[in-house]
């Protein structure tokens, strides 16, 4: 399959290429998606049948700073208007659009037992979540075949840009004390699983919304303890803290971001738990 991608040089996109380059032909667009004419020309002239749209402003606190600028701010221009430009170009050139979204479209008020399913109504509580949900609505209202894939707290074994898991690993390796939140729930997702799941989704030509997330709900504190156990670090370096203290004067974070992946499992796609993902990245790190 020929796939045109935006944001393929990032944390998630670059790993997708690494793992799927033997199965699909990737065309990476370095065009500014906020420039309608340029991105339209790029998508129209590409012989790809699918556009994988990863490009986004994902800095939660940086997006919150943009909130006062509203539609003039970078977060809105990239995450909403940029997505609108990509969707319009896909519609003009009759290409399928796969939009990578986020768990932050939810408010985090669900119970852990319920979790968030694909059909649950988003209600973002910060500007990053609002702009990504704005992108979702544009995709859903477009007259083209589309997929919305929500991911959460992606991590991998090696990349220039850090992620939450390698950030903890690096600090504990240096014997630094860390503060880990006890009252926040996340659904960490191994990026290799995202890549392989996308491969299956593309092959099956499905449409709709999917939660392409890991199979374990966990707090940052519990995640740090798991990391210390698997990598044999000193767990006494891990100190408990709360969301209120850790995120003081920063963008509001949803409380319980427990996303269910039952729908993706019905396609016989296995998404690893955080513990299973850590075991794999440890092996990959040791083999480097």
C-alpha atoms as a PDB file:
ATOM      1  CA  UNK A   1       0.000   0.000   0.000  1.00  0.00           C
ATOM      2  CA  UNK A   2       1.225   3.514  -0.792  1.00  0.00           C
ATOM      3  CA  UNK A   3       0.786   5.850   2.171  1.00  0.00           C
ATOM      4  CA  UNK A   4       1.372   9.597   2.354  1.00  0.00           C
ATOM      5  CA  UNK A   5       2.090  10.655   5.901  1.00  0.00           C
ATOM      6  CA  UNK A   6       2.223  13.925   7.807  1.00  0.00           C
ATOM      7  CA  UNK A   7       4.365  14.023  10.929  1.00  0.00           C
ATOM      8  CA  UNK A   8       6.189  10.792  10.046  1.00  0.00           C
ATOM      9  CA  UNK A   9       9.479  12.051  11.472  1.00  0.00           C
ATOM     10  CA  UNK A  10       8.097  12.182  15.011  1.00  0.00           C
ATOM     11  CA  UNK A  11       8.097   9.765  17.944  1.00  0.00           C
ATOM     12  CA  UNK A  12       5.273   7.587  16.618  1.00  0.00           C
ATOM     13  CA  UNK A  13       5.536   8.135  12.866  1.00  0.00           C
ATOM     14  CA  UNK A  14       9.212   7.295  12.555  1.00  0.00           C
ATOM     15  CA  UNK A  15       8.689   3.950  14.297  1.00  0.00           C
ATOM     16  CA  UNK A  16       5.734   3.161  12.035  1.00  0.00           C
ATOM     17  CA  UNK A  17       8.030   3.584   9.037  1.00  0.00           C
ATOM     18  CA  UNK A  18      10.793   1.484  10.636  1.00  0.00           C
ATOM     19  CA  UNK A  19       8.456  -1.444  11.269  1.00  0.00           C
ATOM     20  CA  UNK A  20       6.236  -1.289   8.179  1.00  0.00           C
ATOM     21  CA  UNK A  21       8.578  -0.085   5.426  1.00  0.00           C
ATOM     22  CA  UNK A  22       8.851  -3.614   4.001  1.00  0.00           C
ATOM     23  CA  UNK A  23       5.062  -3.865   3.755  1.00  0.00           C
ATOM     24  CA  UNK A  24       4.073  -0.380   2.627  1.00  0.00           C
ATOM     25  CA  UNK A  25       5.581   2.443   0.590  1.00  0.00           C
ATOM     26  CA  UNK A  26       5.705   5.650   2.613  1.00  0.00           C
ATOM     27  CA  UNK A  27       5.820   9.174   1.230  1.00  0.00           C
ATOM     28  CA  UNK A  28       6.638  11.616   4.003  1.00  0.00           C
ATOM     29  CA  UNK A  29       5.161  15.083   3.581  1.00  0.00           C
ATOM     30  CA  UNK A  30       7.320  17.821   5.056  1.00  0.00           C
ATOM     31  CA  UNK A  31       4.863  20.442   3.793  1.00  0.00           C
ATOM     32  CA  UNK A  32       3.360  22.836   6.339  1.00  0.00           C
ATOM     33  CA  UNK A  33      -0.212  21.570   6.796  1.00  0.00           C
ATOM     34  CA  UNK A  34      -1.373  25.087   7.698  1.00  0.00           C
ATOM     35  CA  UNK A  35      -0.536  26.151   4.122  1.00  0.00           C
ATOM     36  CA  UNK A  36      -3.682  24.997   2.308  1.00  0.00           C
ATOM     37  CA  UNK A  37      -2.328  25.370  -1.207  1.00  0.00           C
ATOM     38  CA  UNK A  38       0.910  23.511  -0.540  1.00  0.00           C
ATOM     39  CA  UNK A  39      -0.615  20.576   1.343  1.00  0.00           C
ATOM     40  CA  UNK A  40      -3.420  20.300  -1.211  1.00  0.00           C
ATOM     41  CA  UNK A  41      -0.889  20.143  -4.043  1.00  0.00           C
ATOM     42  CA  UNK A  42       1.190  17.557  -2.175  1.00  0.00           C
ATOM     43  CA  UNK A  43      -1.770  15.275  -1.501  1.00  0.00           C
ATOM     44  CA  UNK A  44      -3.326  15.708  -4.961  1.00  0.00           C
ATOM     45  CA  UNK A  45      -0.103  14.842  -6.789  1.00  0.00           C
ATOM     46  CA  UNK A  46       0.781  11.877  -4.581  1.00  0.00           C
ATOM     47  CA  UNK A  47      -0.065   8.421  -5.923  1.00  0.00           C
ATOM     48  CA  UNK A  48      -0.777   7.223  -2.387  1.00  0.00           C
ATOM     49  CA  UNK A  49      -4.288   5.949  -1.689  1.00  0.00           C
ATOM     50  CA  UNK A  50      -4.119   6.641   2.079  1.00  0.00           C
ATOM     51  CA  UNK A  51      -3.097   9.735   4.041  1.00  0.00           C
ATOM     52  CA  UNK A  52      -1.855   8.993   7.564  1.00  0.00           C
ATOM     53  CA  UNK A  53      -2.199  12.287   9.435  1.00  0.00           C
ATOM     54  CA  UNK A  54       0.021  12.465  12.528  1.00  0.00           C
ATOM     55  CA  UNK A  55       1.219  16.073  12.356  1.00  0.00           C
ATOM     56  CA  UNK A  56       0.008  17.991  15.410  1.00  0.00           C
ATOM     57  CA  UNK A  57       1.002  20.315  18.201  1.00  0.00           C
ATOM     58  CA  UNK A  58       1.041  17.910  21.163  1.00  0.00           C
ATOM     59  CA  UNK A  59       2.656  19.995  23.915  1.00  0.00           C
ATOM     60  CA  UNK A  60      -0.265  20.193  26.338  1.00  0.00           C
ATOM     61  CA  UNK A  61       1.035  23.189  28.283  1.00  0.00           C
ATOM     62  CA  UNK A  62       2.192  24.934  25.107  1.00  0.00           C
ATOM     63  CA  UNK A  63      -1.274  24.502  23.632  1.00  0.00           C
ATOM     64  CA  UNK A  64      -2.838  25.985  26.763  1.00  0.00           C
ATOM     65  CA  UNK A  65      -0.736  29.121  26.294  1.00  0.00           C
ATOM     66  CA  UNK A  66      -2.216  29.365  22.777  1.00  0.00           C
ATOM     67  CA  UNK A  67      -5.753  29.332  24.152  1.00  0.00           C
ATOM     68  CA  UNK A  68      -5.959  33.105  24.564  1.00  0.00           C
ATOM     69  CA  UNK A  69      -5.100  33.507  20.876  1.00  0.00           C
ATOM     70  CA  UNK A  70      -7.941  31.120  19.957  1.00  0.00           C
ATOM     71  CA  UNK A  71      -8.070  30.540  16.193  1.00  0.00           C
ATOM     72  CA  UNK A  72      -4.941  32.647  15.668  1.00  0.00           C
ATOM     73  CA  UNK A  73      -2.852  30.455  17.970  1.00  0.00           C
ATOM     74  CA  UNK A  74      -0.537  27.735  16.724  1.00  0.00           C
ATOM     75  CA  UNK A  75      -2.456  24.897  18.404  1.00  0.00           C
ATOM     76  CA  UNK A  76      -5.685  25.773  16.581  1.00  0.00           C
ATOM     77  CA  UNK A  77      -3.955  26.473  13.269  1.00  0.00           C
ATOM     78  CA  UNK A  78      -2.084  23.143  13.306  1.00  0.00           C
ATOM     79  CA  UNK A  79      -4.550  20.784  15.005  1.00  0.00           C
ATOM     80  CA  UNK A  80      -7.793  22.151  13.563  1.00  0.00           C
ATOM     81  CA  UNK A  81      -7.123  24.209  10.437  1.00  0.00           C
ATOM     82  CA  UNK A  82      -4.251  21.962   9.409  1.00  0.00           C
ATOM     83  CA  UNK A  83      -6.490  18.920   9.731  1.00  0.00           C
ATOM     84  CA  UNK A  84      -9.198  20.721   7.749  1.00  0.00           C
ATOM     85  CA  UNK A  85      -6.686  21.360   4.957  1.00  0.00           C
ATOM     86  CA  UNK A  86      -5.620  17.706   4.929  1.00  0.00           C
ATOM     87  CA  UNK A  87      -9.238  16.472   4.924  1.00  0.00           C
ATOM     88  CA  UNK A  88     -10.225  18.791   2.086  1.00  0.00           C
ATOM     89  CA  UNK A  89      -7.255  17.666   0.010  1.00  0.00           C
ATOM     90  CA  UNK A  90      -8.133  14.007   0.661  1.00  0.00           C
ATOM     91  CA  UNK A  91     -11.712  14.692  -0.420  1.00  0.00           C
ATOM     92  CA  UNK A  92     -10.589  16.394  -3.633  1.00  0.00           C
ATOM     93  CA  UNK A  93      -8.210  13.562  -4.522  1.00  0.00           C
ATOM     94  CA  UNK A  94     -10.401  10.705  -3.250  1.00  0.00           C
ATOM     95  CA  UNK A  95      -7.970   9.379  -0.636  1.00  0.00           C
ATOM     96  CA  UNK A  96      -8.737   7.632   2.630  1.00  0.00           C
ATOM     97  CA  UNK A  97      -7.756   9.610   5.738  1.00  0.00           C
ATOM     98  CA  UNK A  98      -6.402   8.077   8.944  1.00  0.00           C
ATOM     99  CA  UNK A  99      -6.350  10.718  11.685  1.00  0.00           C
ATOM    100  CA  UNK A 100      -4.279  10.088  14.810  1.00  0.00           C
ATOM    101  CA  UNK A 101      -6.052  11.543  17.841  1.00  0.00           C
ATOM    102  CA  UNK A 102      -5.649  11.359  21.602  1.00  0.00           C
ATOM    103  CA  UNK A 103      -7.132  10.201  24.903  1.00  0.00           C
ATOM    104  CA  UNK A 104      -7.202  13.885  25.915  1.00  0.00           C
ATOM    105  CA  UNK A 105     -10.479  14.380  24.044  1.00  0.00           C
ATOM    106  CA  UNK A 106     -12.140  12.952  27.185  1.00  0.00           C
ATOM    107  CA  UNK A 107     -12.691  14.721  30.512  1.00  0.00           C
ATOM    108  CA  UNK A 108     -11.429  11.874  32.710  1.00  0.00           C
ATOM    109  CA  UNK A 109     -14.580  11.656  34.821  1.00  0.00           C
ATOM    110  CA  UNK A 110     -15.515   8.050  33.959  1.00  0.00           C
ATOM    111  CA  UNK A 111     -15.004   5.315  36.528  1.00  0.00           C
ATOM    112  CA  UNK A 112     -12.213   2.805  35.943  1.00  0.00           C
ATOM    113  CA  UNK A 113     -14.802   0.046  35.617  1.00  0.00           C
ATOM    114  CA  UNK A 114     -16.498   1.860  32.759  1.00  0.00           C
ATOM    115  CA  UNK A 115     -13.466   3.211  30.958  1.00  0.00           C
ATOM    116  CA  UNK A 116     -13.951   5.117  27.717  1.00  0.00           C
ATOM    117  CA  UNK A 117     -15.319   3.349  24.674  1.00  0.00           C
ATOM    118  CA  UNK A 118     -15.166   4.657  21.125  1.00  0.00           C
ATOM    119  CA  UNK A 119     -18.826   5.695  21.139  1.00  0.00           C
ATOM    120  CA  UNK A 120     -18.518   7.770  24.344  1.00  0.00           C
ATOM    121  CA  UNK A 121     -18.922  11.487  23.808  1.00  0.00           C
ATOM    122  CA  UNK A 122     -15.699  13.496  24.094  1.00  0.00           C
ATOM    123  CA  UNK A 123     -15.591  16.428  26.490  1.00  0.00           C
ATOM    124  CA  UNK A 124     -12.047  17.867  26.513  1.00  0.00           C
ATOM    125  CA  UNK A 125     -11.037  20.039  29.472  1.00  0.00           C
ATOM    126  CA  UNK A 126      -7.874  21.667  28.095  1.00  0.00           C
ATOM    127  CA  UNK A 127      -7.021  23.468  24.854  1.00  0.00           C
ATOM    128  CA  UNK A 128      -4.918  20.616  23.459  1.00  0.00           C
ATOM    129  CA  UNK A 129      -7.861  18.247  23.857  1.00  0.00           C
ATOM    130  CA  UNK A 130     -10.279  20.795  22.412  1.00  0.00           C
ATOM    131  CA  UNK A 131      -8.168  21.321  19.292  1.00  0.00           C
ATOM    132  CA  UNK A 132      -7.673  17.598  18.729  1.00  0.00           C
ATOM    133  CA  UNK A 133     -11.408  17.022  19.149  1.00  0.00           C
ATOM    134  CA  UNK A 134     -11.963  19.852  16.693  1.00  0.00           C
ATOM    135  CA  UNK A 135      -9.851  17.870  14.242  1.00  0.00           C
ATOM    136  CA  UNK A 136     -11.901  14.751  14.921  1.00  0.00           C
ATOM    137  CA  UNK A 137     -15.152  16.548  14.099  1.00  0.00           C
ATOM    138  CA  UNK A 138     -13.717  17.835  10.832  1.00  0.00           C
ATOM    139  CA  UNK A 139     -12.714  14.320   9.824  1.00  0.00           C
ATOM    140  CA  UNK A 140     -16.091  12.856  10.801  1.00  0.00           C
ATOM    141  CA  UNK A 141     -17.964  15.502   8.816  1.00  0.00           C
ATOM    142  CA  UNK A 142     -15.865  15.070   5.694  1.00  0.00           C
ATOM    143  CA  UNK A 143     -17.238  13.265   2.670  1.00  0.00           C
ATOM    144  CA  UNK A 144     -14.464  10.689   2.456  1.00  0.00           C
ATOM    145  CA  UNK A 145     -13.584   7.288   3.939  1.00  0.00           C
ATOM    146  CA  UNK A 146     -11.929   7.940   7.303  1.00  0.00           C
ATOM    147  CA  UNK A 147     -10.459   6.405  10.413  1.00  0.00           C
ATOM    148  CA  UNK A 148      -9.919   8.129  13.740  1.00  0.00           C
ATOM    149  CA  UNK A 149      -7.326   6.330  15.828  1.00  0.00           C
ATOM    150  CA  UNK A 150      -6.928   7.495  19.427  1.00  0.00           C
ATOM    151  CA  UNK A 151      -3.614   6.718  21.104  1.00  0.00           C
ATOM    152  CA  UNK A 152      -2.412   7.418  24.642  1.00  0.00           C
ATOM    153  CA  UNK A 153       0.986   7.946  26.296  1.00  0.00           C
ATOM    154  CA  UNK A 154       3.039   6.320  23.503  1.00  0.00           C
ATOM    155  CA  UNK A 155       6.478   4.929  24.389  1.00  0.00           C
ATOM    156  CA  UNK A 156       9.285   3.081  22.607  1.00  0.00           C
ATOM    157  CA  UNK A 157      12.802   1.762  23.216  1.00  0.00           C
ATOM    158  CA  UNK A 158      14.869   4.374  21.417  1.00  0.00           C
ATOM    159  CA  UNK A 159      14.389   7.793  19.803  1.00  0.00           C
ATOM    160  CA  UNK A 160      15.947  11.257  19.946  1.00  0.00           C
ATOM    161  CA  UNK A 161      12.796  12.722  21.479  1.00  0.00           C
ATOM    162  CA  UNK A 162      11.886  11.344  24.878  1.00  0.00           C
ATOM    163  CA  UNK A 163       8.652   9.819  26.111  1.00  0.00           C
ATOM    164  CA  UNK A 164       7.309   9.380  29.631  1.00  0.00           C
ATOM    165  CA  UNK A 165       8.682   5.839  30.083  1.00  0.00           C
ATOM    166  CA  UNK A 166      12.222   6.570  28.904  1.00  0.00           C
ATOM    167  CA  UNK A 167      12.170   9.769  30.929  1.00  0.00           C
ATOM    168  CA  UNK A 168      11.585   7.758  34.103  1.00  0.00           C
ATOM    169  CA  UNK A 169      14.140   5.128  33.062  1.00  0.00           C
ATOM    170  CA  UNK A 170      16.810   7.777  32.447  1.00  0.00           C
ATOM    171  CA  UNK A 171      16.300   9.473  35.820  1.00  0.00           C
ATOM    172  CA  UNK A 172      16.275   6.238  37.820  1.00  0.00           C
ATOM    173  CA  UNK A 173      19.364   5.059  35.949  1.00  0.00           C
ATOM    174  CA  UNK A 174      21.135   8.224  37.116  1.00  0.00           C
ATOM    175  CA  UNK A 175      19.852   7.521  40.645  1.00  0.00           C
ATOM    176  CA  UNK A 176      17.795  10.724  40.615  1.00  0.00           C
ATOM    177  CA  UNK A 177      14.719  11.075  42.774  1.00  0.00           C
ATOM    178  CA  UNK A 178      11.448  11.447  40.867  1.00  0.00           C
ATOM    179  CA  UNK A 179       7.977  12.600  41.835  1.00  0.00           C
ATOM    180  CA  UNK A 180       5.274  10.312  40.472  1.00  0.00           C
ATOM    181  CA  UNK A 181       1.555  11.077  40.520  1.00  0.00           C
ATOM    182  CA  UNK A 182      -0.752   8.713  42.383  1.00  0.00           C
ATOM    183  CA  UNK A 183      -4.153  10.208  41.466  1.00  0.00           C
ATOM    184  CA  UNK A 184      -4.030  10.143  37.686  1.00  0.00           C
ATOM    185  CA  UNK A 185      -4.836   7.134  35.492  1.00  0.00           C
ATOM    186  CA  UNK A 186      -3.403   6.608  32.017  1.00  0.00           C
ATOM    187  CA  UNK A 187      -3.374   3.894  29.362  1.00  0.00           C
ATOM    188  CA  UNK A 188       0.241   3.638  28.134  1.00  0.00           C
ATOM    189  CA  UNK A 189       0.665   2.353  24.581  1.00  0.00           C
ATOM    190  CA  UNK A 190       3.688   0.557  23.126  1.00  0.00           C
ATOM    191  CA  UNK A 191       4.385   2.241  19.797  1.00  0.00           C
ATOM    192  CA  UNK A 192       5.337  -1.054  18.109  1.00  0.00           C
ATOM    193  CA  UNK A 193       1.788  -2.244  18.811  1.00  0.00           C
ATOM    194  CA  UNK A 194       0.404   0.928  17.244  1.00  0.00           C
ATOM    195  CA  UNK A 195       2.385   0.229  14.068  1.00  0.00           C
ATOM    196  CA  UNK A 196       1.362  -3.411  13.764  1.00  0.00           C
ATOM    197  CA  UNK A 197      -2.272  -2.618  14.532  1.00  0.00           C
ATOM    198  CA  UNK A 198      -2.316   0.092  11.871  1.00  0.00           C
ATOM    199  CA  UNK A 199      -0.981  -2.454   9.393  1.00  0.00           C
ATOM    200  CA  UNK A 200      -3.925  -4.775  10.105  1.00  0.00           C
ATOM    201  CA  UNK A 201      -6.423  -1.902  10.026  1.00  0.00           C
ATOM    202  CA  UNK A 202      -5.105  -0.781   6.654  1.00  0.00           C
ATOM    203  CA  UNK A 203      -5.249  -4.300   5.236  1.00  0.00           C
ATOM    204  CA  UNK A 204      -8.844  -4.785   6.382  1.00  0.00           C
ATOM    205  CA  UNK A 205      -9.924  -1.398   5.041  1.00  0.00           C
ATOM    206  CA  UNK A 206     -12.067  -0.632   8.084  1.00  0.00           C
ATOM    207  CA  UNK A 207     -13.490   2.785   8.925  1.00  0.00           C
ATOM    208  CA  UNK A 208     -14.715   4.486  12.095  1.00  0.00           C
ATOM    209  CA  UNK A 209     -13.152   5.283  15.478  1.00  0.00           C
ATOM    210  CA  UNK A 210     -10.732   2.936  17.246  1.00  0.00           C
ATOM    211  CA  UNK A 211      -8.926   3.151  20.566  1.00  0.00           C
ATOM    212  CA  UNK A 212      -5.479   1.900  19.660  1.00  0.00           C
ATOM    213  CA  UNK A 213      -4.157   1.858  23.215  1.00  0.00           C
ATOM    214  CA  UNK A 214      -2.467  -0.499  25.652  1.00  0.00           C
ATOM    215  CA  UNK A 215      -4.245  -3.112  27.754  1.00  0.00           C
ATOM    216  CA  UNK A 216      -3.457  -1.759  31.229  1.00  0.00           C
ATOM    217  CA  UNK A 217      -4.765   1.207  33.210  1.00  0.00           C
ATOM    218  CA  UNK A 218      -2.096   2.531  35.555  1.00  0.00           C
ATOM    219  CA  UNK A 219      -1.044   5.599  37.551  1.00  0.00           C
ATOM    220  CA  UNK A 220       2.310   7.291  36.891  1.00  0.00           C
ATOM    221  CA  UNK A 221       3.429   6.154  40.351  1.00  0.00           C
ATOM    222  CA  UNK A 222       2.540   2.541  39.605  1.00  0.00           C
ATOM    223  CA  UNK A 223       4.243   2.883  36.217  1.00  0.00           C
ATOM    224  CA  UNK A 224       7.440   4.133  37.851  1.00  0.00           C
ATOM    225  CA  UNK A 225       7.419   1.248  40.329  1.00  0.00           C
ATOM    226  CA  UNK A 226       6.965  -1.241  37.475  1.00  0.00           C
ATOM    227  CA  UNK A 227       9.890   0.340  35.642  1.00  0.00           C
ATOM    228  CA  UNK A 228      12.075   0.118  38.745  1.00  0.00           C
ATOM    229  CA  UNK A 229      11.194  -3.567  39.153  1.00  0.00           C
ATOM    230  CA  UNK A 230      11.782  -4.558  35.524  1.00  0.00           C
ATOM    231  CA  UNK A 231      15.002  -2.525  35.109  1.00  0.00           C
ATOM    232  CA  UNK A 232      16.282  -3.258  38.634  1.00  0.00           C
ATOM    233  CA  UNK A 233      16.370   0.340  39.828  1.00  0.00           C
ATOM    234  CA  UNK A 234      16.027   1.587  43.395  1.00  0.00           C
ATOM    235  CA  UNK A 235      12.298   2.104  43.967  1.00  0.00           C
ATOM    236  CA  UNK A 236      13.096   4.260  47.030  1.00  0.00           C
ATOM    237  CA  UNK A 237      13.948   7.007  44.541  1.00  0.00           C
ATOM    238  CA  UNK A 238      10.254   7.204  43.600  1.00  0.00           C
ATOM    239  CA  UNK A 239       8.295   9.717  45.644  1.00  0.00           C
ATOM    240  CA  UNK A 240       4.518  10.090  45.622  1.00  0.00           C
ATOM    241  CA  UNK A 241       2.843  13.305  44.576  1.00  0.00           C
ATOM    242  CA  UNK A 242      -0.590  14.468  43.432  1.00  0.00           C
ATOM    243  CA  UNK A 243      -1.930  16.020  40.240  1.00  0.00           C
ATOM    244  CA  UNK A 244      -2.601  19.238  42.105  1.00  0.00           C
ATOM    245  CA  UNK A 245       1.037  19.619  43.108  1.00  0.00           C
ATOM    246  CA  UNK A 246       2.682  18.242  39.962  1.00  0.00           C
ATOM    247  CA  UNK A 247       0.589  20.232  37.496  1.00  0.00           C
ATOM    248  CA  UNK A 248       0.277  23.419  39.565  1.00  0.00           C
ATOM    249  CA  UNK A 249      -0.004  26.459  37.276  1.00  0.00           C
ATOM    250  CA  UNK A 250      -0.094  24.207  34.217  1.00  0.00           C
ATOM    251  CA  UNK A 251      -2.880  23.020  31.904  1.00  0.00           C
ATOM    252  CA  UNK A 252      -5.640  21.041  33.570  1.00  0.00           C
ATOM    253  CA  UNK A 253      -5.305  17.285  33.076  1.00  0.00           C
ATOM    254  CA  UNK A 254      -8.141  14.737  32.908  1.00  0.00           C
ATOM    255  CA  UNK A 255      -8.259  12.463  35.972  1.00  0.00           C
ATOM    256  CA  UNK A 256      -9.083   8.945  34.738  1.00  0.00           C
ATOM    257  CA  UNK A 257      -7.910   8.445  31.162  1.00  0.00           C
ATOM    258  CA  UNK A 258      -8.744   4.761  31.037  1.00  0.00           C
ATOM    259  CA  UNK A 259      -9.482   3.911  27.397  1.00  0.00           C
ATOM    260  CA  UNK A 260     -10.901   0.526  26.491  1.00  0.00           C
ATOM    261  CA  UNK A 261      -9.524  -1.334  23.480  1.00  0.00           C
ATOM    262  CA  UNK A 262     -12.228  -4.017  23.217  1.00  0.00           C
ATOM    263  CA  UNK A 263     -13.148  -2.901  19.696  1.00  0.00           C
ATOM    264  CA  UNK A 264      -9.622  -3.329  18.363  1.00  0.00           C
ATOM    265  CA  UNK A 265      -9.367  -6.732  20.060  1.00  0.00           C
ATOM    266  CA  UNK A 266     -12.394  -7.869  18.076  1.00  0.00           C
ATOM    267  CA  UNK A 267     -10.153  -7.562  15.006  1.00  0.00           C
ATOM    268  CA  UNK A 268      -7.770 -10.060  16.689  1.00  0.00           C
ATOM    269  CA  UNK A 269      -5.280  -7.276  17.421  1.00  0.00           C
ATOM    270  CA  UNK A 270      -3.259  -7.770  20.615  1.00  0.00           C
ATOM    271  CA  UNK A 271      -2.228  -4.636  22.478  1.00  0.00           C
ATOM    272  CA  UNK A 272       0.307  -5.254  25.217  1.00  0.00           C
ATOM    273  CA  UNK A 273      -0.010  -4.240  28.857  1.00  0.00           C
ATOM    274  CA  UNK A 274       2.495  -1.682  30.136  1.00  0.00           C
ATOM    275  CA  UNK A 275       4.387  -4.462  31.905  1.00  0.00           C
ATOM    276  CA  UNK A 276       4.602  -6.487  28.685  1.00  0.00           C
ATOM    277  CA  UNK A 277       5.697  -3.417  26.735  1.00  0.00           C
ATOM    278  CA  UNK A 278       8.446  -2.668  29.268  1.00  0.00           C
ATOM    279  CA  UNK A 279       9.753  -6.221  28.966  1.00  0.00           C
ATOM    280  CA  UNK A 280      10.026  -5.739  25.200  1.00  0.00           C
ATOM    281  CA  UNK A 281      11.697  -2.326  25.269  1.00  0.00           C
ATOM    282  CA  UNK A 282      14.217  -3.665  27.795  1.00  0.00           C
ATOM    283  CA  UNK A 283      15.133  -6.423  25.310  1.00  0.00           C
ATOM    284  CA  UNK A 284      15.349  -3.888  22.484  1.00  0.00           C
ATOM    285  CA  UNK A 285      17.534  -1.547  24.560  1.00  0.00           C
ATOM    286  CA  UNK A 286      19.873  -4.382  25.482  1.00  0.00           C
ATOM    287  CA  UNK A 287      20.231  -5.364  21.823  1.00  0.00           C
ATOM    288  CA  UNK A 288      21.269  -1.858  20.676  1.00  0.00           C
END
